[in-house]
Structure formats: C-alpha cells, structure tokens
C-alpha cells in the first residue's frame, strides 16, 4: 500500500492549476512515501509530464536510516512529516536556505471495515506552498 497516487494527483493538479512546474520550487517534500512510494510517485508524475526527481525528498527517507534501521515500509506519514518539518524544514525556510517549497503530507485513511472487506485503502495528500519570510 502506498499513498503515492494521492500525492501524484495532488501535485500534478497543483502544477496545472497554478501554471507552475517542479523548477519553480527548491524542494517538493512528501511524507511518508518511503523509497518504494517515492519511486511510484516519480513514475506517476512522469506520465503526467512532470519530473520531480531532482527537487523531491521524502520525510520518511530523511528521518530513517535504511542501512542501519530495520525500517521496511517506513513510519507514520503524519509523524514523519511533523518531525521533519518542525526540525529541519522550518529552520531552512526561516534562515533562507530554502525559499519556496511544496509540502505534501500524505496519509492512508485506514478503516478496519475496509480492510475486512478486502477493499483498497483510500489515501489523501494535502499540499501547502510555503515561501520563506526572507523572500517576502
């Protein structure tokens, strides 16, 4: 299970709606897609005409050391996003290291009923366009 389709749909819709592209952003940050979900995200967005590889990072990939930790699929999307954003990303925005980012937290809408019915698990992605106060 991955939330990559929700993230891809949200990001592609945003680019089309705002007439922007990955090049307009220093960072496109998702979480927590992990390695597998990030690869799926690249494929889905490439099919829509957007290549985000050089601008993308994922909170789960930033917070976990896949070599040293037994992470498998990663962690909680909301936990990884909150931890990474509040510690690193916010500081980078405030200090002008990053000037414009797309922050795309993702999550699965888990339900015991859906799982028992063997249905797909819907997912969601919110997008926040953040600009450094140093750029205002």
N, C-alpha and C. Protein backbone atom coordinates (compact mmCIF):
# COMPACT_ATOMS: atom_id res chain seq x y z
N UNK A 1 0.84 -1.17 0.00
CA UNK A 1 0.00 0.00 0.00
C UNK A 1 0.89 1.24 0.00
N UNK A 2 0.55 2.17 -0.82
CA UNK A 2 1.27 3.43 -0.85
C UNK A 2 0.30 4.58 -1.09
N UNK A 3 0.67 5.72 -0.60
CA UNK A 3 -0.12 6.92 -0.81
C UNK A 3 0.39 7.71 -2.00
N UNK A 4 1.28 7.13 -2.78
CA UNK A 4 1.85 7.82 -3.93
C UNK A 4 0.80 8.30 -4.94
N UNK A 5 -0.24 7.52 -5.26
CA UNK A 5 -1.24 8.04 -6.21
C UNK A 5 -1.92 9.32 -5.73
N UNK A 6 -2.22 9.42 -4.44
CA UNK A 6 -2.83 10.64 -3.91
C UNK A 6 -1.85 11.81 -4.02
N UNK A 7 -0.60 11.58 -3.68
CA UNK A 7 0.41 12.64 -3.78
C UNK A 7 0.60 13.07 -5.23
N UNK A 8 0.68 12.12 -6.13
CA UNK A 8 0.87 12.44 -7.56
C UNK A 8 -0.30 13.26 -8.09
N UNK A 9 -1.51 12.85 -7.76
CA UNK A 9 -2.69 13.57 -8.23
C UNK A 9 -2.72 15.00 -7.69
N UNK A 10 -2.42 15.15 -6.42
CA UNK A 10 -2.43 16.48 -5.79
C UNK A 10 -1.36 17.37 -6.39
N UNK A 11 -0.15 16.85 -6.56
CA UNK A 11 0.96 17.64 -7.11
C UNK A 11 0.69 18.02 -8.57
N UNK A 12 0.28 17.06 -9.38
CA UNK A 12 0.02 17.33 -10.80
C UNK A 12 -1.11 18.36 -10.94
N UNK A 13 -2.16 18.21 -10.14
CA UNK A 13 -3.27 19.18 -10.19
C UNK A 13 -2.79 20.57 -9.80
N UNK A 14 -1.95 20.66 -8.80
CA UNK A 14 -1.42 21.95 -8.37
C UNK A 14 -0.59 22.60 -9.48
N UNK A 15 0.29 21.83 -10.09
CA UNK A 15 1.10 22.38 -11.19
C UNK A 15 0.22 22.89 -12.32
N UNK A 16 -0.78 22.12 -12.69
CA UNK A 16 -1.67 22.55 -13.78
C UNK A 16 -2.49 23.78 -13.37
N UNK A 17 -3.03 23.76 -12.17
CA UNK A 17 -3.87 24.87 -11.70
C UNK A 17 -3.11 26.18 -11.55
N UNK A 18 -1.84 26.09 -11.17
CA UNK A 18 -1.05 27.30 -10.91
C UNK A 18 -0.09 27.64 -12.04
N UNK A 19 -0.11 26.83 -13.09
CA UNK A 19 0.81 27.01 -14.22
C UNK A 19 2.27 27.09 -13.75
N UNK A 20 2.62 26.18 -12.84
CA UNK A 20 3.98 26.09 -12.34
C UNK A 20 4.54 24.72 -12.70
N UNK A 21 5.79 24.51 -12.36
CA UNK A 21 6.46 23.23 -12.62
C UNK A 21 7.44 22.95 -11.48
N UNK A 22 8.03 21.78 -11.45
CA UNK A 22 8.98 21.46 -10.38
C UNK A 22 10.12 22.48 -10.26
N UNK A 23 10.51 23.07 -11.36
CA UNK A 23 11.62 24.01 -11.37
C UNK A 23 11.32 25.28 -10.58
N UNK A 24 10.06 25.55 -10.28
CA UNK A 24 9.68 26.73 -9.51
C UNK A 24 9.92 26.55 -8.00
N UNK A 25 10.34 25.35 -7.59
CA UNK A 25 10.45 25.05 -6.16
C UNK A 25 11.83 24.52 -5.82
N UNK A 26 12.31 24.91 -4.64
CA UNK A 26 13.59 24.39 -4.14
C UNK A 26 13.43 22.95 -3.69
N UNK A 27 12.25 22.62 -3.17
CA UNK A 27 12.02 21.30 -2.61
C UNK A 27 10.55 20.94 -2.74
N UNK A 28 10.31 19.70 -3.12
CA UNK A 28 8.97 19.12 -3.07
C UNK A 28 9.07 18.00 -2.05
N UNK A 29 8.43 18.18 -0.92
CA UNK A 29 8.60 17.29 0.22
C UNK A 29 7.33 16.50 0.48
N UNK A 30 7.44 15.18 0.42
CA UNK A 30 6.32 14.30 0.73
C UNK A 30 6.62 13.55 2.02
N UNK A 31 5.61 12.85 2.51
CA UNK A 31 5.87 12.03 3.67
C UNK A 31 4.63 11.26 4.10
N UNK A 32 4.83 10.10 4.42
CA UNK A 32 5.99 9.24 4.31
C UNK A 32 5.73 8.23 3.19
N UNK A 33 6.29 8.49 2.03
CA UNK A 33 6.18 7.53 0.92
C UNK A 33 7.26 6.46 1.01
N UNK A 34 8.37 6.79 1.62
CA UNK A 34 9.49 5.87 1.66
C UNK A 34 10.08 5.69 0.27
N UNK A 35 10.95 4.74 0.13
CA UNK A 35 11.64 4.51 -1.14
C UNK A 35 10.70 3.99 -2.22
N UNK A 36 9.91 2.99 -1.90
CA UNK A 36 9.00 2.39 -2.88
C UNK A 36 7.96 3.40 -3.34
N UNK A 37 7.36 4.10 -2.39
CA UNK A 37 6.36 5.09 -2.73
C UNK A 37 6.93 6.26 -3.52
N UNK A 38 8.16 6.67 -3.20
CA UNK A 38 8.80 7.76 -3.94
C UNK A 38 9.04 7.36 -5.39
N UNK A 39 9.47 6.13 -5.58
CA UNK A 39 9.66 5.65 -6.97
C UNK A 39 8.34 5.63 -7.73
N UNK A 40 7.28 5.20 -7.06
CA UNK A 40 5.96 5.20 -7.70
C UNK A 40 5.52 6.63 -8.02
N UNK A 41 5.78 7.54 -7.11
CA UNK A 41 5.44 8.95 -7.33
C UNK A 41 6.13 9.48 -8.58
N UNK A 42 7.41 9.19 -8.74
CA UNK A 42 8.15 9.65 -9.92
C UNK A 42 7.52 9.13 -11.21
N UNK A 43 7.18 7.85 -11.20
CA UNK A 43 6.58 7.24 -12.39
C UNK A 43 5.22 7.86 -12.72
N UNK A 44 4.39 8.03 -11.70
CA UNK A 44 3.06 8.59 -11.91
C UNK A 44 3.13 10.03 -12.41
N UNK A 45 4.02 10.83 -11.83
CA UNK A 45 4.14 12.23 -12.26
C UNK A 45 4.81 12.35 -13.63
N UNK A 46 5.77 11.47 -13.91
CA UNK A 46 6.41 11.49 -15.23
C UNK A 46 5.38 11.23 -16.32
N UNK A 47 4.45 10.33 -16.04
CA UNK A 47 3.38 10.04 -17.00
C UNK A 47 2.48 11.26 -17.23
N UNK A 48 2.44 12.16 -16.26
CA UNK A 48 1.66 13.40 -16.37
C UNK A 48 2.49 14.55 -16.95
N UNK A 49 3.77 14.27 -17.24
CA UNK A 49 4.64 15.28 -17.83
C UNK A 49 5.47 16.07 -16.83
N UNK A 50 5.59 15.59 -15.60
CA UNK A 50 6.36 16.29 -14.57
C UNK A 50 7.47 15.39 -14.03
N UNK A 51 8.69 15.91 -14.03
CA UNK A 51 9.84 15.19 -13.48
C UNK A 51 10.29 15.91 -12.22
N UNK A 52 10.03 15.32 -11.06
CA UNK A 52 10.35 15.97 -9.79
C UNK A 52 11.59 15.38 -9.11
N UNK A 53 12.23 14.40 -9.71
CA UNK A 53 13.32 13.68 -9.04
C UNK A 53 14.38 14.61 -8.43
N UNK A 54 14.79 15.62 -9.16
CA UNK A 54 15.88 16.48 -8.67
C UNK A 54 15.42 17.44 -7.57
N UNK A 55 14.12 17.59 -7.35
CA UNK A 55 13.59 18.53 -6.36
C UNK A 55 12.90 17.83 -5.19
N UNK A 56 12.76 16.53 -5.26
CA UNK A 56 11.95 15.79 -4.29
C UNK A 56 12.78 15.20 -3.16
N UNK A 57 12.20 15.21 -1.99
CA UNK A 57 12.68 14.40 -0.88
C UNK A 57 11.45 13.96 -0.11
N UNK A 58 11.62 12.92 0.67
CA UNK A 58 10.51 12.34 1.42
C UNK A 58 10.88 12.33 2.90
N UNK A 59 9.95 12.76 3.74
CA UNK A 59 10.20 12.84 5.17
C UNK A 59 10.63 11.49 5.75
N UNK A 60 10.01 10.42 5.29
CA UNK A 60 10.40 9.09 5.76
C UNK A 60 11.82 8.73 5.37
N UNK A 61 12.24 9.12 4.18
CA UNK A 61 13.61 8.85 3.76
C UNK A 61 14.60 9.73 4.51
N UNK A 62 14.16 10.91 4.92
CA UNK A 62 15.04 11.82 5.65
C UNK A 62 15.22 11.40 7.11
N UNK A 63 14.18 10.84 7.69
CA UNK A 63 14.21 10.58 9.13
C UNK A 63 14.79 9.20 9.48
N UNK A 64 14.65 8.25 8.58
CA UNK A 64 15.14 6.90 8.84
C UNK A 64 16.43 6.61 8.09
N UNK A 65 17.27 5.80 8.69
CA UNK A 65 18.50 5.32 8.04
C UNK A 65 18.22 3.88 7.61
N UNK A 66 17.91 3.71 6.33
CA UNK A 66 17.52 2.38 5.84
C UNK A 66 18.65 1.35 5.96
N UNK A 67 19.88 1.81 5.98
CA UNK A 67 21.02 0.89 6.10
C UNK A 67 21.16 0.37 7.54
N UNK A 68 20.92 1.24 8.51
CA UNK A 68 21.15 0.89 9.91
C UNK A 68 19.89 0.46 10.66
N UNK A 69 18.71 0.81 10.14
CA UNK A 69 17.47 0.51 10.84
C UNK A 69 16.62 -0.48 10.04
N UNK A 70 15.91 -1.31 10.75
CA UNK A 70 15.00 -2.27 10.14
C UNK A 70 13.67 -1.57 9.88
N UNK A 71 13.63 -0.71 8.84
CA UNK A 71 12.50 0.18 8.61
C UNK A 71 11.41 -0.44 7.76
N UNK A 72 11.77 -1.25 6.79
CA UNK A 72 10.83 -1.82 5.84
C UNK A 72 10.07 -0.73 5.10
N UNK A 73 8.80 -0.52 5.41
CA UNK A 73 7.97 0.41 4.65
C UNK A 73 8.00 1.83 5.21
N UNK A 74 8.71 2.10 6.26
CA UNK A 74 8.77 3.45 6.81
C UNK A 74 7.93 3.58 8.06
N UNK A 75 7.47 4.78 8.32
CA UNK A 75 6.74 5.04 9.55
C UNK A 75 5.44 5.76 9.28
N UNK A 76 4.97 6.41 10.27
CA UNK A 76 3.73 7.17 10.17
C UNK A 76 3.95 8.42 9.32
N UNK A 77 3.07 8.63 8.34
CA UNK A 77 3.20 9.82 7.49
C UNK A 77 3.09 11.09 8.31
N UNK A 78 2.10 11.15 9.19
CA UNK A 78 1.93 12.39 9.97
C UNK A 78 3.09 12.57 10.95
N UNK A 79 3.59 11.49 11.52
CA UNK A 79 4.72 11.59 12.45
C UNK A 79 6.00 12.02 11.75
N UNK A 80 6.28 11.42 10.60
CA UNK A 80 7.48 11.78 9.84
C UNK A 80 7.41 13.21 9.34
N UNK A 81 6.25 13.62 8.84
CA UNK A 81 6.08 14.99 8.33
C UNK A 81 6.25 16.01 9.43
N UNK A 82 5.61 15.80 10.56
CA UNK A 82 5.68 16.76 11.66
C UNK A 82 7.10 16.88 12.19
N UNK A 83 7.75 15.75 12.39
CA UNK A 83 9.11 15.76 12.93
C UNK A 83 10.08 16.43 11.98
N UNK A 84 10.03 16.06 10.72
CA UNK A 84 10.96 16.61 9.75
C UNK A 84 10.69 18.09 9.50
N UNK A 85 9.44 18.45 9.32
CA UNK A 85 9.11 19.85 9.04
C UNK A 85 9.49 20.75 10.21
N UNK A 86 9.11 20.36 11.42
CA UNK A 86 9.34 21.22 12.58
C UNK A 86 10.81 21.30 12.99
N UNK A 87 11.60 20.34 12.60
CA UNK A 87 13.01 20.37 13.00
C UNK A 87 13.90 20.95 11.90
N UNK A 88 13.85 20.44 10.71
CA UNK A 88 14.77 20.84 9.65
C UNK A 88 14.17 21.85 8.68
N UNK A 89 13.03 21.54 8.12
CA UNK A 89 12.48 22.34 7.02
C UNK A 89 12.11 23.75 7.49
N UNK A 90 11.46 23.88 8.63
CA UNK A 90 11.09 25.20 9.12
C UNK A 90 12.32 26.07 9.34
N UNK A 91 13.37 25.49 9.91
CA UNK A 91 14.61 26.23 10.11
C UNK A 91 15.21 26.66 8.78
N UNK A 92 15.20 25.78 7.80
CA UNK A 92 15.75 26.12 6.48
C UNK A 92 14.95 27.23 5.81
N UNK A 93 13.63 27.25 5.99
CA UNK A 93 12.80 28.34 5.46
C UNK A 93 13.09 29.65 6.18
N UNK A 94 13.15 29.59 7.50
CA UNK A 94 13.38 30.81 8.29
C UNK A 94 14.75 31.41 8.02
N UNK A 95 15.73 30.58 7.73
CA UNK A 95 17.10 31.05 7.50
C UNK A 95 17.41 31.31 6.03
N UNK A 96 16.43 31.15 5.15
CA UNK A 96 16.63 31.43 3.74
C UNK A 96 17.39 30.37 2.98
N UNK A 97 17.63 29.22 3.60
CA UNK A 97 18.30 28.12 2.89
C UNK A 97 17.37 27.57 1.82
N UNK A 98 16.10 27.50 2.15
CA UNK A 98 15.05 27.16 1.19
C UNK A 98 14.18 28.40 1.03
N UNK A 99 13.78 28.68 -0.21
CA UNK A 99 12.94 29.86 -0.40
C UNK A 99 11.50 29.52 -0.74
N UNK A 100 11.26 28.41 -1.42
CA UNK A 100 9.90 28.07 -1.84
C UNK A 100 9.80 26.55 -1.90
N UNK A 101 8.93 25.99 -1.08
CA UNK A 101 8.77 24.53 -1.09
C UNK A 101 7.30 24.16 -1.21
N UNK A 102 7.08 22.98 -1.75
CA UNK A 102 5.77 22.34 -1.72
C UNK A 102 5.86 21.25 -0.67
N UNK A 103 5.01 21.35 0.32
CA UNK A 103 4.97 20.37 1.40
C UNK A 103 3.71 19.54 1.20
N UNK A 104 3.89 18.24 0.97
CA UNK A 104 2.78 17.37 0.61
C UNK A 104 2.71 16.18 1.58
N UNK A 105 2.14 16.42 2.78
CA UNK A 105 1.94 15.31 3.71
C UNK A 105 0.90 14.32 3.15
N UNK A 106 1.15 13.07 3.37
CA UNK A 106 0.26 12.03 2.85
C UNK A 106 -0.23 11.14 4.00
N UNK A 107 -1.32 10.45 3.74
CA UNK A 107 -1.81 9.52 4.75
C UNK A 107 -2.82 8.55 4.19
N UNK A 108 -2.86 7.40 4.80
CA UNK A 108 -3.85 6.39 4.44
C UNK A 108 -5.06 6.54 5.34
N UNK A 109 -6.23 6.44 4.77
CA UNK A 109 -7.47 6.55 5.54
C UNK A 109 -7.87 5.14 5.96
N UNK A 110 -7.19 4.66 6.98
CA UNK A 110 -7.35 3.27 7.41
C UNK A 110 -8.68 3.05 8.12
N UNK A 111 -9.26 1.92 7.83
CA UNK A 111 -10.52 1.54 8.45
C UNK A 111 -10.54 0.02 8.58
N UNK A 112 -10.87 -0.44 9.75
CA UNK A 112 -10.96 -1.89 9.96
C UNK A 112 -12.01 -2.51 9.04
N UNK A 113 -13.09 -1.79 8.82
CA UNK A 113 -14.16 -2.29 7.96
C UNK A 113 -13.65 -2.47 6.52
N UNK A 114 -12.95 -1.47 6.00
CA UNK A 114 -12.42 -1.55 4.64
C UNK A 114 -11.45 -2.72 4.51
N UNK A 115 -10.57 -2.86 5.48
CA UNK A 115 -9.60 -3.96 5.44
C UNK A 115 -10.29 -5.32 5.47
N UNK A 116 -11.30 -5.46 6.30
CA UNK A 116 -12.03 -6.72 6.39
C UNK A 116 -12.79 -7.03 5.11
N UNK A 117 -13.20 -6.00 4.39
CA UNK A 117 -13.93 -6.19 3.14
C UNK A 117 -13.00 -6.40 1.96
N UNK A 118 -11.70 -6.39 2.24
CA UNK A 118 -10.67 -6.58 1.20
C UNK A 118 -10.73 -5.49 0.13
N UNK A 119 -11.12 -4.29 0.55
CA UNK A 119 -11.20 -3.16 -0.37
C UNK A 119 -9.87 -2.41 -0.37
N UNK A 120 -9.66 -1.59 -1.38
CA UNK A 120 -8.45 -0.78 -1.40
C UNK A 120 -8.54 0.26 -0.29
N UNK A 121 -7.39 0.72 0.15
CA UNK A 121 -7.34 1.70 1.23
C UNK A 121 -7.19 3.08 0.59
N UNK A 122 -8.19 3.94 0.76
CA UNK A 122 -8.07 5.28 0.17
C UNK A 122 -6.96 6.06 0.88
N UNK A 123 -6.37 6.98 0.16
CA UNK A 123 -5.33 7.81 0.75
C UNK A 123 -5.57 9.26 0.39
N UNK A 124 -4.85 10.11 1.09
CA UNK A 124 -5.05 11.56 0.94
C UNK A 124 -3.70 12.25 0.93
N UNK A 125 -3.64 13.37 0.24
CA UNK A 125 -2.43 14.21 0.24
C UNK A 125 -2.87 15.67 0.26
N UNK A 126 -2.33 16.40 1.18
CA UNK A 126 -2.57 17.84 1.26
C UNK A 126 -1.34 18.54 0.70
N UNK A 127 -1.52 19.68 0.09
CA UNK A 127 -0.38 20.42 -0.45
C UNK A 127 -0.37 21.82 0.12
N UNK A 128 0.79 22.20 0.63
CA UNK A 128 0.98 23.54 1.18
C UNK A 128 2.18 24.15 0.47
N UNK A 129 1.98 25.32 -0.13
CA UNK A 129 3.05 26.05 -0.81
C UNK A 129 3.62 27.03 0.21
N UNK A 130 4.87 26.82 0.61
CA UNK A 130 5.49 27.64 1.65
C UNK A 130 6.62 28.48 1.07
N UNK A 131 6.61 29.75 1.40
CA UNK A 131 7.63 30.68 0.93
C UNK A 131 8.37 31.23 2.16
N UNK A 132 9.68 31.29 2.06
CA UNK A 132 10.50 31.79 3.15
C UNK A 132 10.17 33.25 3.45
N UNK A 133 10.09 33.62 4.74
CA UNK A 133 9.86 35.02 5.06
C UNK A 133 10.99 35.93 4.58
N UNK A 134 12.15 35.36 4.32
CA UNK A 134 13.27 36.14 3.82
C UNK A 134 13.08 36.53 2.36
N UNK A 135 12.12 35.88 1.69
CA UNK A 135 11.84 36.16 0.28
C UNK A 135 10.70 37.14 0.11
N UNK A 136 10.02 37.49 1.21
CA UNK A 136 8.85 38.36 1.12
C UNK A 136 9.26 39.81 0.91
